[in-house]
Protein backbone atom coordinates (compact mmCIF):
# COMPACT_ATOMS: atom_id res chain seq x y z
CA MET A 1 43.21 -8.36 15.26
CA LYS A 2 40.84 -4.92 14.88
CA THR A 3 37.25 -6.04 15.49
CA ALA A 4 34.01 -4.23 14.77
CA GLU A 5 32.98 -1.97 17.90
CA LYS A 6 30.80 1.52 17.88
CA GLY A 7 32.60 4.19 16.70
CA THR A 8 34.39 2.28 14.28
CA THR A 9 34.04 2.55 10.64
CA VAL A 10 33.51 -0.88 8.69
CA THR A 11 32.84 -2.30 5.05
CA ILE A 12 30.62 -5.16 4.70
CA GLN A 13 29.60 -7.40 2.16
CA PHE A 14 26.10 -9.09 2.53
CA SER A 15 23.25 -10.65 0.78
CA ILE A 16 19.60 -10.90 2.02
CA LEU A 17 17.93 -14.19 2.35
CA LEU A 18 13.89 -14.55 3.06
CA ASP A 19 12.38 -17.54 5.08
CA ASN A 20 11.68 -19.14 1.61
CA GLY A 21 15.65 -19.73 0.66
CA SER A 22 15.27 -16.81 -1.68
CA ILE A 23 17.88 -14.28 -2.14
CA VAL A 24 16.75 -10.26 -2.41
CA GLY A 25 18.33 -9.46 -5.61
CA GLY A 26 19.72 -12.87 -6.38
CA PRO A 27 22.89 -14.66 -5.43
CA GLU A 28 25.15 -12.62 -7.61
CA ASN A 29 24.32 -9.43 -5.70
CA LYS A 30 26.47 -9.46 -2.59
CA THR A 31 26.26 -5.70 -1.80
CA PRO A 32 29.10 -3.66 -0.03
CA LEU A 33 28.30 -1.17 2.31
CA THR A 34 30.56 1.16 4.61
CA PHE A 35 29.11 2.88 7.92
CA THR A 36 30.11 3.89 11.38
CA VAL A 37 29.06 1.41 13.77
CA GLY A 38 26.51 3.10 16.47
CA LYS A 39 25.62 6.34 13.93
CA GLY A 40 22.24 4.50 13.24
CA LYS A 41 22.57 4.77 9.48
CA VAL A 42 21.67 0.64 9.02
CA LEU A 43 19.12 -1.34 10.85
CA ARG A 44 19.76 -1.55 14.48
CA LYS A 45 19.88 -5.36 14.76
CA LEU A 46 22.33 -5.52 11.85
CA GLU A 47 24.84 -2.84 13.62
CA ASP A 48 24.52 -5.00 17.06
CA GLY A 49 25.02 -8.01 14.85
CA ILE A 50 28.21 -7.14 13.36
CA LEU A 51 29.69 -5.98 16.79
CA GLY A 52 32.95 -8.05 17.71
CA MET A 53 33.59 -9.29 14.18
CA ALA A 54 36.93 -9.52 12.83
CA VAL A 55 37.86 -8.74 9.50
CA LYS A 56 36.99 -11.93 6.85
CA GLU A 57 34.52 -13.40 9.62
CA ASN A 58 30.93 -14.30 8.17
CA ARG A 59 27.86 -14.27 10.19
CA LYS A 60 24.52 -14.80 9.79
CA ILE A 61 21.97 -12.29 11.32
CA HIS A 62 18.37 -12.71 11.74
CA ILE A 63 15.76 -9.93 11.72
CA ASP A 64 12.25 -10.28 12.28
CA PRO A 65 9.69 -7.37 10.66
CA ALA A 66 9.59 -5.30 13.97
CA GLU A 67 13.63 -5.15 14.02
CA GLY A 68 13.47 -4.45 10.24
CA TYR A 69 11.14 -3.04 7.61
CA GLY A 70 7.83 -3.21 10.13
CA GLU A 71 5.04 -5.12 9.67
CA TYR A 72 3.21 -5.01 6.13
CA ASN A 73 0.35 -2.23 6.68
CA LYS A 74 -2.58 -2.87 4.26
CA ASP A 75 -3.67 0.85 5.02
CA LEU A 76 -0.64 1.99 2.65
CA VAL A 77 -2.00 -0.07 -0.35
CA LEU A 78 -4.15 2.75 -2.18
CA ARG A 79 -6.45 2.98 -5.00
CA VAL A 80 -5.97 6.11 -6.97
CA GLU A 81 -7.42 7.81 -9.65
CA ARG A 82 -5.21 7.60 -13.02
CA LYS A 83 -6.22 11.39 -13.57
CA HIS A 84 -3.93 12.23 -10.68
CA PHE A 85 -0.96 11.04 -12.22
CA PRO A 86 1.02 13.10 -15.19
CA PRO A 87 -0.38 11.74 -18.36
CA ASP A 88 3.15 11.27 -19.69
CA ILE A 89 4.07 8.70 -16.86
CA LYS A 90 4.23 5.14 -17.91
CA LEU A 91 2.67 3.24 -15.10
CA ILE A 92 3.50 -0.37 -15.19
CA PRO A 93 3.30 -2.69 -11.92
CA GLY A 94 6.79 -2.72 -10.13
CA ARG A 95 7.65 0.75 -10.77
CA THR A 96 8.37 3.09 -8.26
CA VAL A 97 6.80 6.30 -8.25
CA GLN A 98 7.03 9.30 -5.85
CA TYR A 99 4.40 11.53 -3.96
CA GLN A 100 5.10 14.77 -2.20
CA ASN A 101 2.89 15.62 0.91
CA ARG A 102 2.10 18.58 2.09
CA SER A 103 4.82 19.10 4.74
CA GLY A 104 7.13 18.53 1.45
CA GLU A 105 8.44 15.18 2.39
CA ARG A 106 8.76 12.48 -0.34
CA VAL A 107 7.33 9.26 -0.27
CA ASN A 108 7.76 6.09 -2.67
CA PHE A 109 5.09 3.93 -3.70
CA VAL A 110 5.29 0.98 -6.27
CA VAL A 111 2.83 0.43 -8.32
CA ASN A 112 0.79 -2.88 -7.81
CA ASP A 113 -1.88 -3.14 -10.53
CA VAL A 114 -3.11 -0.48 -13.24
CA ASP A 115 -6.43 -0.53 -14.99
CA GLU A 116 -8.06 2.22 -17.27
CA LYS A 117 -9.26 4.41 -14.57
CA THR A 118 -7.25 3.60 -11.51
CA VAL A 119 -3.88 2.44 -10.11
CA THR A 120 -3.17 0.54 -6.66
CA ILE A 121 -0.02 1.61 -5.41
CA ASP A 122 1.87 0.43 -2.33
CA GLY A 123 3.73 2.53 0.41
CA ASN A 124 4.86 -0.52 2.41
CA HIS A 125 9.03 -0.96 2.21
CA PRO A 126 9.55 -4.08 -0.29
CA LEU A 127 10.69 -6.24 2.46
CA ALA A 128 8.04 -4.86 5.24
CA GLY A 129 6.38 -7.91 7.29
CA LEU A 130 9.35 -10.23 6.09
CA ASN A 131 11.85 -12.32 8.31
CA LEU A 132 15.41 -11.63 6.94
CA THR A 133 18.43 -13.04 7.22
CA TYR A 134 21.58 -11.17 6.55
CA ASP A 135 24.33 -12.97 5.46
CA VAL A 136 27.38 -10.59 6.44
CA GLU A 137 31.34 -10.94 5.70
CA LEU A 138 33.22 -8.18 7.50
CA LEU A 139 35.77 -6.80 4.64
CA GLU A 140 37.29 -3.73 6.72
CA VAL A 141 37.37 -2.19 9.92
CA ARG A 142 39.08 1.51 10.36
């Protein structure tokens, strides 16, 4: 039986569970993902965790913040004057907005709070600072 090894292309289906038992995106959101093992396109701990898996095998892979999306950084939560946003943009908590820095790199921020004069935005990845458990099923190996 073929197993997931470095250099193979795999398709997995997964959900992400948090420490409190909730499932990111809800239990109906098992996400399929295809990638080549060893290319660094997914979290390294996830890649390492599927090594040796056979098709239809299930595995739980635990990933702490340092191995996942980093620790939560309070310095990435910013209060910005409302006037720095286009007047036609609807700013509501939970909305993602994008900022382009001087070097042309685009960075995503999530709107946390909006008042008449300021907008609080968060540049942390939504899963930063969280322990994650990937519930993975290997669907295909090529």
